[in-house]
PDB file of N, CA and C in Angstrom:
ATOM      1  N   MET A   1       3.205  22.391  48.892  1.00  0.00           N
ATOM      2  CA  MET A   1       3.151  22.572  47.319  1.00  0.00           C
ATOM      3  C   MET A   1       4.471  22.294  46.759  1.00  0.00           C
ATOM      4  N   LEU A   2       4.440  21.875  45.689  1.00  0.00           N
ATOM      5  CA  LEU A   2       5.578  21.553  44.885  1.00  0.00           C
ATOM      6  C   LEU A   2       6.147  22.875  44.152  1.00  0.00           C
ATOM      7  N   PRO A   3       7.270  23.105  44.013  1.00  0.00           N
ATOM      8  CA  PRO A   3       7.773  24.346  43.442  1.00  0.00           C
ATOM      9  C   PRO A   3       7.725  24.345  41.734  1.00  0.00           C
ATOM     10  N   PHE A   4       7.247  23.396  41.270  1.00  0.00           N
ATOM     11  CA  PHE A   4       7.164  23.300  39.886  1.00  0.00           C
ATOM     12  C   PHE A   4       5.665  22.588  39.438  1.00  0.00           C
ATOM     13  N   VAL A   5       5.237  22.671  38.152  1.00  0.00           N
ATOM     14  CA  VAL A   5       4.148  22.144  37.785  1.00  0.00           C
ATOM     15  C   VAL A   5       4.472  21.047  36.761  1.00  0.00           C
ATOM     16  N   VAL A   6       3.651  19.916  37.181  1.00  0.00           N
ATOM     17  CA  VAL A   6       3.829  18.746  36.429  1.00  0.00           C
ATOM     18  C   VAL A   6       2.599  18.709  35.411  1.00  0.00           C
ATOM     19  N   LYS A   7       3.104  18.709  34.099  1.00  0.00           N
ATOM     20  CA  LYS A   7       1.869  18.739  33.109  1.00  0.00           C
ATOM     21  C   LYS A   7       1.861  17.196  32.589  1.00  0.00           C
ATOM     22  N   MET A   8       0.711  16.874  32.365  1.00  0.00           N
ATOM     23  CA  MET A   8       0.228  15.434  31.876  1.00  0.00           C
ATOM     24  C   MET A   8      -0.014  15.574  30.643  1.00  0.00           C
ATOM     25  N   PHE A   9       0.266  14.499  29.709  1.00  0.00           N
ATOM     26  CA  PHE A   9      -0.070  14.320  28.398  1.00  0.00           C
ATOM     27  C   PHE A   9      -1.563  13.929  28.396  1.00  0.00           C
ATOM     28  N   SER A  10      -2.010  14.463  27.120  1.00  0.00           N
ATOM     29  CA  SER A  10      -3.499  13.957  26.924  1.00  0.00           C
ATOM     30  C   SER A  10      -3.377  12.571  26.599  1.00  0.00           C
ATOM     31  N   THR A  11      -4.414  11.761  27.226  1.00  0.00           N
ATOM     32  CA  THR A  11      -4.480  10.444  27.300  1.00  0.00           C
ATOM     33  C   THR A  11      -5.458   9.969  25.924  1.00  0.00           C
ATOM     34  N   GLN A  12      -5.974  10.895  25.210  1.00  0.00           N
ATOM     35  CA  GLN A  12      -6.961  10.654  24.212  1.00  0.00           C
ATOM     36  C   GLN A  12      -6.053  11.128  23.002  1.00  0.00           C
ATOM     37  N   PRO A  13      -5.763   9.967  22.115  1.00  0.00           N
ATOM     38  CA  PRO A  13      -5.078  10.309  20.760  1.00  0.00           C
ATOM     39  C   PRO A  13      -5.872  11.202  19.901  1.00  0.00           C
ATOM     40  N   SER A  14      -5.129  11.951  18.932  1.00  0.00           N
ATOM     41  CA  SER A  14      -5.917  12.753  17.842  1.00  0.00           C
ATOM     42  C   SER A  14      -6.507  11.753  16.841  1.00  0.00           C
ATOM     43  N   LEU A  15      -7.609  12.309  16.357  1.00  0.00           N
ATOM     44  CA  LEU A  15      -8.165  11.583  15.283  1.00  0.00           C
ATOM     45  C   LEU A  15      -7.404  11.139  14.122  1.00  0.00           C
ATOM     46  N   ARG A  16      -6.487  11.960  13.609  1.00  0.00           N
ATOM     47  CA  ARG A  16      -5.407  11.668  12.592  1.00  0.00           C
ATOM     48  C   ARG A  16      -4.588  10.543  13.061  1.00  0.00           C
ATOM     49  N   PHE A  17      -4.124  10.487  14.279  1.00  0.00           N
ATOM     50  CA  PHE A  17      -3.193   9.401  14.519  1.00  0.00           C
ATOM     51  C   PHE A  17      -4.058   7.995  14.653  1.00  0.00           C
ATOM     52  N   VAL A  18      -5.364   8.119  15.237  1.00  0.00           N
ATOM     53  CA  VAL A  18      -6.282   6.964  15.135  1.00  0.00           C
ATOM     54  C   VAL A  18      -6.415   6.390  13.682  1.00  0.00           C
ATOM     55  N   ILE A  19      -6.735   7.276  12.949  1.00  0.00           N
ATOM     56  CA  ILE A  19      -6.935   6.954  11.514  1.00  0.00           C
ATOM     57  C   ILE A  19      -5.821   6.417  10.759  1.00  0.00           C
ATOM     58  N   LEU A  20      -4.574   6.955  11.030  1.00  0.00           N
ATOM     59  CA  LEU A  20      -3.300   6.478  10.502  1.00  0.00           C
ATOM     60  C   LEU A  20      -3.100   5.095  11.124  1.00  0.00           C
ATOM     61  N   PHE A  21      -3.330   4.933  12.354  1.00  0.00           N
ATOM     62  CA  PHE A  21      -2.919   3.545  13.000  1.00  0.00           C
ATOM     63  C   PHE A  21      -3.866   2.617  12.374  1.00  0.00           C
ATOM     64  N   LEU A  22      -5.036   2.827  12.293  1.00  0.00           N
ATOM     65  CA  LEU A  22      -6.103   1.852  11.551  1.00  0.00           C
ATOM     66  C   LEU A  22      -5.725   1.445  10.278  1.00  0.00           C
ATOM     67  N   LEU A  23      -5.202   2.474   9.394  1.00  0.00           N
ATOM     68  CA  LEU A  23      -4.823   2.260   8.102  1.00  0.00           C
ATOM     69  C   LEU A  23      -3.539   1.369   8.036  1.00  0.00           C
ATOM     70  N   PHE A  24      -2.753   1.595   8.995  1.00  0.00           N
ATOM     71  CA  PHE A  24      -1.362   0.615   8.995  1.00  0.00           C
ATOM     72  C   PHE A  24      -1.942  -0.765   9.707  1.00  0.00           C
ATOM     73  N   SER A  25      -2.955  -0.733  10.518  1.00  0.00           N
ATOM     74  CA  SER A  25      -3.195  -2.073  10.904  1.00  0.00           C
ATOM     75  C   SER A  25      -3.928  -2.818   9.749  1.00  0.00           C
ATOM     76  N   VAL A  26      -4.725  -2.162   9.018  1.00  0.00           N
ATOM     77  CA  VAL A  26      -5.577  -2.934   7.932  1.00  0.00           C
ATOM     78  C   VAL A  26      -4.351  -3.508   6.824  1.00  0.00           C
ATOM     79  N   LEU A  27      -3.384  -2.518   6.577  1.00  0.00           N
ATOM     80  CA  LEU A  27      -2.217  -3.067   5.782  1.00  0.00           C
ATOM     81  C   LEU A  27      -1.486  -4.333   6.207  1.00  0.00           C
ATOM     82  N   PHE A  28      -1.186  -4.303   7.550  1.00  0.00           N
ATOM     83  CA  PHE A  28      -0.705  -5.269   8.257  1.00  0.00           C
ATOM     84  C   PHE A  28      -1.442  -6.591   8.275  1.00  0.00           C
ATOM     85  N   LEU A  29      -2.774  -6.275   8.455  1.00  0.00           N
ATOM     86  CA  LEU A  29      -3.600  -7.546   8.578  1.00  0.00           C
ATOM     87  C   LEU A  29      -3.760  -8.196   7.081  1.00  0.00           C
ATOM     88  N   ARG A  30      -3.722  -7.321   6.243  1.00  0.00           N
ATOM     89  CA  ARG A  30      -3.852  -7.641   4.560  1.00  0.00           C
ATOM     90  C   ARG A  30      -2.479  -8.640   4.332  1.00  0.00           C
ATOM     91  N   ASN A  31      -1.354  -8.163   4.667  1.00  0.00           N
ATOM     92  CA  ASN A  31      -0.197  -8.835   4.596  1.00  0.00           C
ATOM     93  C   ASN A  31       0.060 -10.268   5.210  1.00  0.00           C
ATOM     94  N   THR A  32      -0.790 -10.165   6.483  1.00  0.00           N
ATOM     95  CA  THR A  32      -0.764 -11.339   7.213  1.00  0.00           C
ATOM     96  C   THR A  32      -1.628 -12.358   6.681  1.00  0.00           C
ATOM     97  N   TYR A  33      -2.752 -11.782   6.248  1.00  0.00           N
ATOM     98  CA  TYR A  33      -3.714 -12.737   5.350  1.00  0.00           C
ATOM     99  C   TYR A  33      -3.132 -13.452   4.259  1.00  0.00           C
ATOM    100  N   LYS A  34      -2.259 -12.694   3.439  1.00  0.00           N
ATOM    101  CA  LYS A  34      -1.551 -13.185   2.329  1.00  0.00           C
ATOM    102  C   LYS A  34      -0.466 -14.154   2.697  1.00  0.00           C
ATOM    103  N   LEU A  35       0.242 -13.943   3.730  1.00  0.00           N
ATOM    104  CA  LEU A  35       1.195 -14.800   4.461  1.00  0.00           C
ATOM    105  C   LEU A  35       0.549 -16.184   4.923  1.00  0.00           C
ATOM    106  N   TRP A  36      -0.481 -16.174   5.408  1.00  0.00           N
ATOM    107  CA  TRP A  36      -0.990 -17.418   6.053  1.00  0.00           C
ATOM    108  C   TRP A  36      -1.832 -18.256   5.024  1.00  0.00           C
ATOM    109  N   PHE A  37      -2.514 -17.516   4.126  1.00  0.00           N
ATOM    110  CA  PHE A  37      -3.412 -18.263   3.258  1.00  0.00           C
ATOM    111  C   PHE A  37      -3.080 -18.265   1.824  1.00  0.00           C
ATOM    112  N   LYS A  38      -2.107 -17.444   1.525  1.00  0.00           N
ATOM    113  CA  LYS A  38      -1.754 -17.565   0.053  1.00  0.00           C
ATOM    114  C   LYS A  38      -0.202 -17.276   0.077  1.00  0.00           C
ATOM    115  N   THR A  39       0.396 -18.212   0.821  1.00  0.00           N
ATOM    116  CA  THR A  39       1.832 -18.385   1.092  1.00  0.00           C
ATOM    117  C   THR A  39       2.784 -18.338  -0.207  1.00  0.00           C
ATOM    118  N   ASP A  40       2.351 -19.283  -1.059  1.00  0.00           N
ATOM    119  CA  ASP A  40       3.019 -19.508  -2.245  1.00  0.00           C
ATOM    120  C   ASP A  40       3.438 -18.113  -3.279  1.00  0.00           C
ATOM    121  N   ALA A  41       2.092 -17.493  -3.321  1.00  0.00           N
ATOM    122  CA  ALA A  41       2.109 -16.148  -4.089  1.00  0.00           C
ATOM    123  C   ALA A  41       2.762 -15.171  -3.271  1.00  0.00           C
ATOM    124  N   TYR A  42       2.634 -15.097  -2.037  1.00  0.00           N
ATOM    125  CA  TYR A  42       3.207 -14.029  -1.119  1.00  0.00           C
ATOM    126  C   TYR A  42       4.621 -14.188  -1.352  1.00  0.00           C
ATOM    127  N   TYR A  43       5.198 -15.437  -1.077  1.00  0.00           N
ATOM    128  CA  TYR A  43       6.674 -15.518  -1.074  1.00  0.00           C
ATOM    129  C   TYR A  43       7.198 -15.240  -2.427  1.00  0.00           C
ATOM    130  N   GLN A  44       6.396 -15.671  -3.486  1.00  0.00           N
ATOM    131  CA  GLN A  44       7.037 -15.330  -4.851  1.00  0.00           C
ATOM    132  C   GLN A  44       7.087 -13.781  -5.018  1.00  0.00           C
ATOM    133  N   ASP A  45       6.044 -13.175  -4.740  1.00  0.00           N
ATOM    134  CA  ASP A  45       5.851 -11.654  -4.870  1.00  0.00           C
ATOM    135  C   ASP A  45       7.276 -10.934  -4.048  1.00  0.00           C
ATOM    136  N   ILE A  46       7.258 -11.543  -2.803  1.00  0.00           N
ATOM    137  CA  ILE A  46       8.475 -10.750  -2.194  1.00  0.00           C
ATOM    138  C   ILE A  46       9.943 -11.188  -2.875  1.00  0.00           C
ATOM    139  N   TYR A  47       9.927 -12.418  -3.407  1.00  0.00           N
ATOM    140  CA  TYR A  47      11.047 -12.897  -3.992  1.00  0.00           C
ATOM    141  C   TYR A  47      11.516 -12.050  -5.413  1.00  0.00           C
ATOM    142  N   ASN A  48      10.224 -11.745  -6.216  1.00  0.00           N
ATOM    143  CA  ASN A  48      10.317 -11.180  -7.368  1.00  0.00           C
ATOM    144  C   ASN A  48      10.756  -9.689  -7.055  1.00  0.00           C
ATOM    145  N   SER A  49      10.351  -9.102  -5.994  1.00  0.00           N
ATOM    146  CA  SER A  49      10.444  -7.609  -5.874  1.00  0.00           C
ATOM    147  C   SER A  49      12.016  -7.597  -5.438  1.00  0.00           C
ATOM    148  N   LEU A  50      12.512  -8.616  -4.629  1.00  0.00           N
ATOM    149  CA  LEU A  50      13.962  -8.530  -4.296  1.00  0.00           C
ATOM    150  C   LEU A  50      14.969  -8.812  -5.445  1.00  0.00           C
ATOM    151  N   THR A  51      14.562  -9.520  -6.245  1.00  0.00           N
ATOM    152  CA  THR A  51      15.475  -9.808  -7.546  1.00  0.00           C
ATOM    153  C   THR A  51      15.276  -9.038  -8.901  1.00  0.00           C
ATOM    154  N   ARG A  52      14.290  -8.126  -8.604  1.00  0.00           N
ATOM    155  CA  ARG A  52      14.120  -7.117  -9.858  1.00  0.00           C
ATOM    156  C   ARG A  52      15.226  -5.980  -9.753  1.00  0.00           C
ATOM    157  N   GLU A  53      15.632  -5.736 -11.065  1.00  0.00           N
ATOM    158  CA  GLU A  53      16.722  -4.687 -11.267  1.00  0.00           C
ATOM    159  C   GLU A  53      16.162  -3.689 -12.029  1.00  0.00           C
ATOM    160  N   PRO A  54      16.441  -2.578 -11.646  1.00  0.00           N
ATOM    161  CA  PRO A  54      17.457  -2.072 -10.522  1.00  0.00           C
ATOM    162  C   PRO A  54      16.571  -1.973  -9.236  1.00  0.00           C
ATOM    163  N   SER A  55      17.305  -2.490  -8.274  1.00  0.00           N
ATOM    164  CA  SER A  55      16.794  -2.484  -6.946  1.00  0.00           C
ATOM    165  C   SER A  55      16.891  -1.385  -6.106  1.00  0.00           C
ATOM    166  N   ILE A  56      15.699  -1.199  -5.133  1.00  0.00           N
ATOM    167  CA  ILE A  56      15.774   0.089  -4.390  1.00  0.00           C
ATOM    168  C   ILE A  56      15.857  -0.272  -2.937  1.00  0.00           C
ATOM    169  N   TYR A  57      16.140  -1.637  -2.765  1.00  0.00           N
ATOM    170  CA  TYR A  57      16.320  -2.146  -1.357  1.00  0.00           C
ATOM    171  C   TYR A  57      17.854  -2.304  -0.893  1.00  0.00           C
ATOM    172  N   PRO A  58      18.165  -1.585  -0.053  1.00  0.00           N
ATOM    173  CA  PRO A  58      19.648  -1.393   0.389  1.00  0.00           C
ATOM    174  C   PRO A  58      20.207  -2.748   1.030  1.00  0.00           C
ATOM    175  N   PHE A  59      19.218  -3.542   1.630  1.00  0.00           N
ATOM    176  CA  PHE A  59      19.564  -4.913   2.115  1.00  0.00           C
ATOM    177  C   PHE A  59      19.106  -5.966   1.621  1.00  0.00           C
ATOM    178  N   ARG A  60      19.177  -5.726   0.251  1.00  0.00           N
ATOM    179  CA  ARG A  60      18.518  -6.937  -0.688  1.00  0.00           C
ATOM    180  C   ARG A  60      19.134  -8.323  -0.407  1.00  0.00           C
ATOM    181  N   ARG A  61      20.698  -8.245  -0.426  1.00  0.00           N
ATOM    182  CA  ARG A  61      21.395  -9.561  -0.357  1.00  0.00           C
ATOM    183  C   ARG A  61      20.958 -10.232   0.950  1.00  0.00           C
ATOM    184  N   PHE A  62      20.898  -9.552   2.057  1.00  0.00           N
ATOM    185  CA  PHE A  62      20.483 -10.120   3.261  1.00  0.00           C
ATOM    186  C   PHE A  62      19.202 -10.785   3.234  1.00  0.00           C
ATOM    187  N   PHE A  63      18.194  -9.974   2.572  1.00  0.00           N
ATOM    188  CA  PHE A  63      16.788 -10.562   2.769  1.00  0.00           C
ATOM    189  C   PHE A  63      16.721 -11.586   1.916  1.00  0.00           C
ATOM    190  N   LEU A  64      17.273 -11.746   0.668  1.00  0.00           N
ATOM    191  CA  LEU A  64      17.352 -12.885  -0.106  1.00  0.00           C
ATOM    192  C   LEU A  64      18.091 -14.198   0.502  1.00  0.00           C
ATOM    193  N   LYS A  65      19.218 -13.952   1.284  1.00  0.00           N
ATOM    194  CA  LYS A  65      19.841 -15.074   2.150  1.00  0.00           C
ATOM    195  C   LYS A  65      18.941 -15.689   3.087  1.00  0.00           C
ATOM    196  N   GLN A  66      17.911 -14.870   3.553  1.00  0.00           N
ATOM    197  CA  GLN A  66      17.139 -15.235   4.808  1.00  0.00           C
ATOM    198  C   GLN A  66      15.928 -16.212   4.062  1.00  0.00           C
ATOM    199  N   MET A  67      15.457 -15.864   2.763  1.00  0.00           N
ATOM    200  CA  MET A  67      14.555 -16.447   1.898  1.00  0.00           C
ATOM    201  C   MET A  67      15.191 -17.865   1.441  1.00  0.00           C
ATOM    202  N   GLU A  68      16.524 -18.081   1.305  1.00  0.00           N
ATOM    203  CA  GLU A  68      16.925 -19.492   0.775  1.00  0.00           C
ATOM    204  C   GLU A  68      16.159 -20.488   1.269  1.00  0.00           C
ATOM    205  N   ASN A  69      16.012 -20.460   2.625  1.00  0.00           N
ATOM    206  CA  ASN A  69      15.448 -21.789   3.253  1.00  0.00           C
ATOM    207  C   ASN A  69      14.111 -21.397   3.670  1.00  0.00           C
ATOM    208  N   ARG A  70      13.190 -21.756   2.534  1.00  0.00           N
ATOM    209  CA  ARG A  70      12.095 -21.270   2.854  1.00  0.00           C
ATOM    210  C   ARG A  70      11.000 -21.678   3.849  1.00  0.00           C
ATOM    211  N   ARG A  71      11.259 -23.021   4.337  1.00  0.00           N
ATOM    212  CA  ARG A  71      10.528 -23.385   5.533  1.00  0.00           C
ATOM    213  C   ARG A  71      10.890 -22.570   6.811  1.00  0.00           C
ATOM    214  N   SER A  72      12.195 -22.397   6.909  1.00  0.00           N
ATOM    215  CA  SER A  72      12.538 -21.342   8.048  1.00  0.00           C
ATOM    216  C   SER A  72      11.866 -19.965   7.954  1.00  0.00           C
ATOM    217  N   TRP A  73      12.174 -19.399   6.548  1.00  0.00           N
ATOM    218  CA  TRP A  73      11.482 -18.208   6.378  1.00  0.00           C
ATOM    219  C   TRP A  73      10.014 -18.236   6.908  1.00  0.00           C
ATOM    220  N   GLU A  74       9.308 -19.186   6.482  1.00  0.00           N
ATOM    221  CA  GLU A  74       7.712 -19.150   6.657  1.00  0.00           C
ATOM    222  C   GLU A  74       7.549 -19.370   8.215  1.00  0.00           C
ATOM    223  N   PHE A  75       8.433 -20.089   8.920  1.00  0.00           N
ATOM    224  CA  PHE A  75       8.018 -20.196  10.258  1.00  0.00           C
ATOM    225  C   PHE A  75       8.492 -18.842  11.009  1.00  0.00           C
ATOM    226  N   TRP A  76       9.390 -18.167  10.634  1.00  0.00           N
ATOM    227  CA  TRP A  76       9.826 -17.030  11.378  1.00  0.00           C
ATOM    228  C   TRP A  76       8.750 -16.054  10.993  1.00  0.00           C
ATOM    229  N   GLN A  77       8.475 -15.963   9.884  1.00  0.00           N
ATOM    230  CA  GLN A  77       7.383 -14.760   9.296  1.00  0.00           C
ATOM    231  C   GLN A  77       6.010 -14.964   9.939  1.00  0.00           C
ATOM    232  N   LYS A  78       5.626 -16.267   9.991  1.00  0.00           N
ATOM    233  CA  LYS A  78       4.536 -16.630  10.742  1.00  0.00           C
ATOM    234  C   LYS A  78       4.221 -16.388  12.278  1.00  0.00           C
ATOM    235  N   GLY A  79       5.374 -16.676  12.785  1.00  0.00           N
ATOM    236  CA  GLY A  79       5.769 -16.435  14.270  1.00  0.00           C
ATOM    237  C   GLY A  79       5.684 -14.842  14.625  1.00  0.00           C
ATOM    238  N   PHE A  80       6.347 -14.183  13.961  1.00  0.00           N
ATOM    239  CA  PHE A  80       6.398 -12.797  14.014  1.00  0.00           C
ATOM    240  C   PHE A  80       4.717 -12.043  13.705  1.00  0.00           C
ATOM    241  N   SER A  81       4.349 -12.773  12.733  1.00  0.00           N
ATOM    242  CA  SER A  81       3.026 -12.299  12.248  1.00  0.00           C
ATOM    243  C   SER A  81       2.062 -12.500  13.559  1.00  0.00           C
ATOM    244  N   LEU A  82       2.091 -13.656  14.224  1.00  0.00           N
ATOM    245  CA  LEU A  82       1.081 -13.978  15.300  1.00  0.00           C
ATOM    246  C   LEU A  82       1.281 -12.868  16.367  1.00  0.00           C
ATOM    247  N   LEU A  83       2.632 -12.722  16.728  1.00  0.00           N
ATOM    248  CA  LEU A  83       2.766 -11.383  17.747  1.00  0.00           C
ATOM    249  C   LEU A  83       2.274 -10.238  17.321  1.00  0.00           C
ATOM    250  N   GLY A  84       2.439  -9.835  15.982  1.00  0.00           N
ATOM    251  CA  GLY A  84       2.024  -8.622  15.360  1.00  0.00           C
ATOM    252  C   GLY A  84       0.259  -8.629  15.513  1.00  0.00           C
ATOM    253  N   ILE A  85      -0.268  -9.902  15.063  1.00  0.00           N
ATOM    254  CA  ILE A  85      -1.691  -9.867  15.473  1.00  0.00           C
ATOM    255  C   ILE A  85      -2.236  -9.425  16.610  1.00  0.00           C
ATOM    256  N   ILE A  86      -1.562 -10.167  17.537  1.00  0.00           N
ATOM    257  CA  ILE A  86      -1.913  -9.822  18.882  1.00  0.00           C
ATOM    258  C   ILE A  86      -1.713  -8.586  19.382  1.00  0.00           C
ATOM    259  N   ALA A  87      -0.634  -8.000  19.012  1.00  0.00           N
ATOM    260  CA  ALA A  87      -0.224  -6.366  19.453  1.00  0.00           C
ATOM    261  C   ALA A  87      -1.255  -5.620  18.712  1.00  0.00           C
ATOM    262  N   VAL A  88      -1.611  -5.668  17.371  1.00  0.00           N
ATOM    263  CA  VAL A  88      -2.388  -4.800  16.742  1.00  0.00           C
ATOM    264  C   VAL A  88      -3.971  -4.870  17.099  1.00  0.00           C
ATOM    265  N   MET A  89      -4.270  -6.081  17.446  1.00  0.00           N
ATOM    266  CA  MET A  89      -5.693  -6.377  17.957  1.00  0.00           C
ATOM    267  C   MET A  89      -5.718  -5.730  19.467  1.00  0.00           C
ATOM    268  N   ALA A  90      -4.847  -5.845  20.294  1.00  0.00           N
ATOM    269  CA  ALA A  90      -4.844  -5.223  21.624  1.00  0.00           C
ATOM    270  C   ALA A  90      -4.877  -3.768  21.540  1.00  0.00           C
ATOM    271  N   ALA A  91      -3.981  -3.074  20.619  1.00  0.00           N
ATOM    272  CA  ALA A  91      -3.974  -1.735  20.466  1.00  0.00           C
ATOM    273  C   ALA A  91      -5.241  -1.289  19.907  1.00  0.00           C
ATOM    274  N   ASP A  92      -5.706  -1.984  19.041  1.00  0.00           N
ATOM    275  CA  ASP A  92      -6.961  -1.436  18.399  1.00  0.00           C
ATOM    276  C   ASP A  92      -8.177  -1.593  19.486  1.00  0.00           C
ATOM    277  N   VAL A  93      -8.269  -2.581  20.338  1.00  0.00           N
ATOM    278  CA  VAL A  93      -9.370  -2.600  21.276  1.00  0.00           C
ATOM    279  C   VAL A  93      -9.015  -1.604  22.324  1.00  0.00           C
ATOM    280  N   LEU A  94      -7.612  -1.374  22.783  1.00  0.00           N
ATOM    281  CA  LEU A  94      -7.620  -0.397  23.778  1.00  0.00           C
ATOM    282  C   LEU A  94      -7.749   0.921  23.368  1.00  0.00           C
ATOM    283  N   GLY A  95      -7.461   1.278  22.054  1.00  0.00           N
ATOM    284  CA  GLY A  95      -7.788   2.606  21.567  1.00  0.00           C
ATOM    285  C   GLY A  95      -9.203   2.656  21.280  1.00  0.00           C
ATOM    286  N   LEU A  96      -9.978   1.936  20.950  1.00  0.00           N
ATOM    287  CA  LEU A  96     -11.347   2.154  20.947  1.00  0.00           C
ATOM    288  C   LEU A  96     -11.909   2.290  22.131  1.00  0.00           C
ATOM    289  N   TRP A  97     -11.391   1.402  23.158  1.00  0.00           N
ATOM    290  CA  TRP A  97     -12.084   1.511  24.571  1.00  0.00           C
ATOM    291  C   TRP A  97     -11.695   2.821  25.230  1.00  0.00           C
ATOM    292  N   HIS A  98     -10.694   3.533  24.856  1.00  0.00           N
ATOM    293  CA  HIS A  98     -10.565   4.851  25.510  1.00  0.00           C
ATOM    294  C   HIS A  98     -10.936   6.017  24.761  1.00  0.00           C
ATOM    295  N   MET A  99     -11.677   5.756  23.610  1.00  0.00           N
ATOM    296  CA  MET A  99     -12.236   6.871  22.848  1.00  0.00           C
ATOM    297  C   MET A  99     -13.533   7.336  23.503  1.00  0.00           C
TER     298      MET A  99
END
């Protein structure tokens, strides 16, 4: 016998966590849809929010610099969105599978 007790974490997430995770998944997928299918409007919305005064964004100059080369910005945004889609879908499937 071991002189200590090992306590395992619950493998089932709380309902609150699942609902919050699904909410953020929908938000992510909505923004991904706008990026892939309404790219011009999405780019313009982001650009306008970064150039609006007064700004609440602490790294505004950095993000505006990244957006100067639009083709590069689109490439990296779409690449990371693909990784995100795969991660969100996998987490959703695994989360529902374990319920």
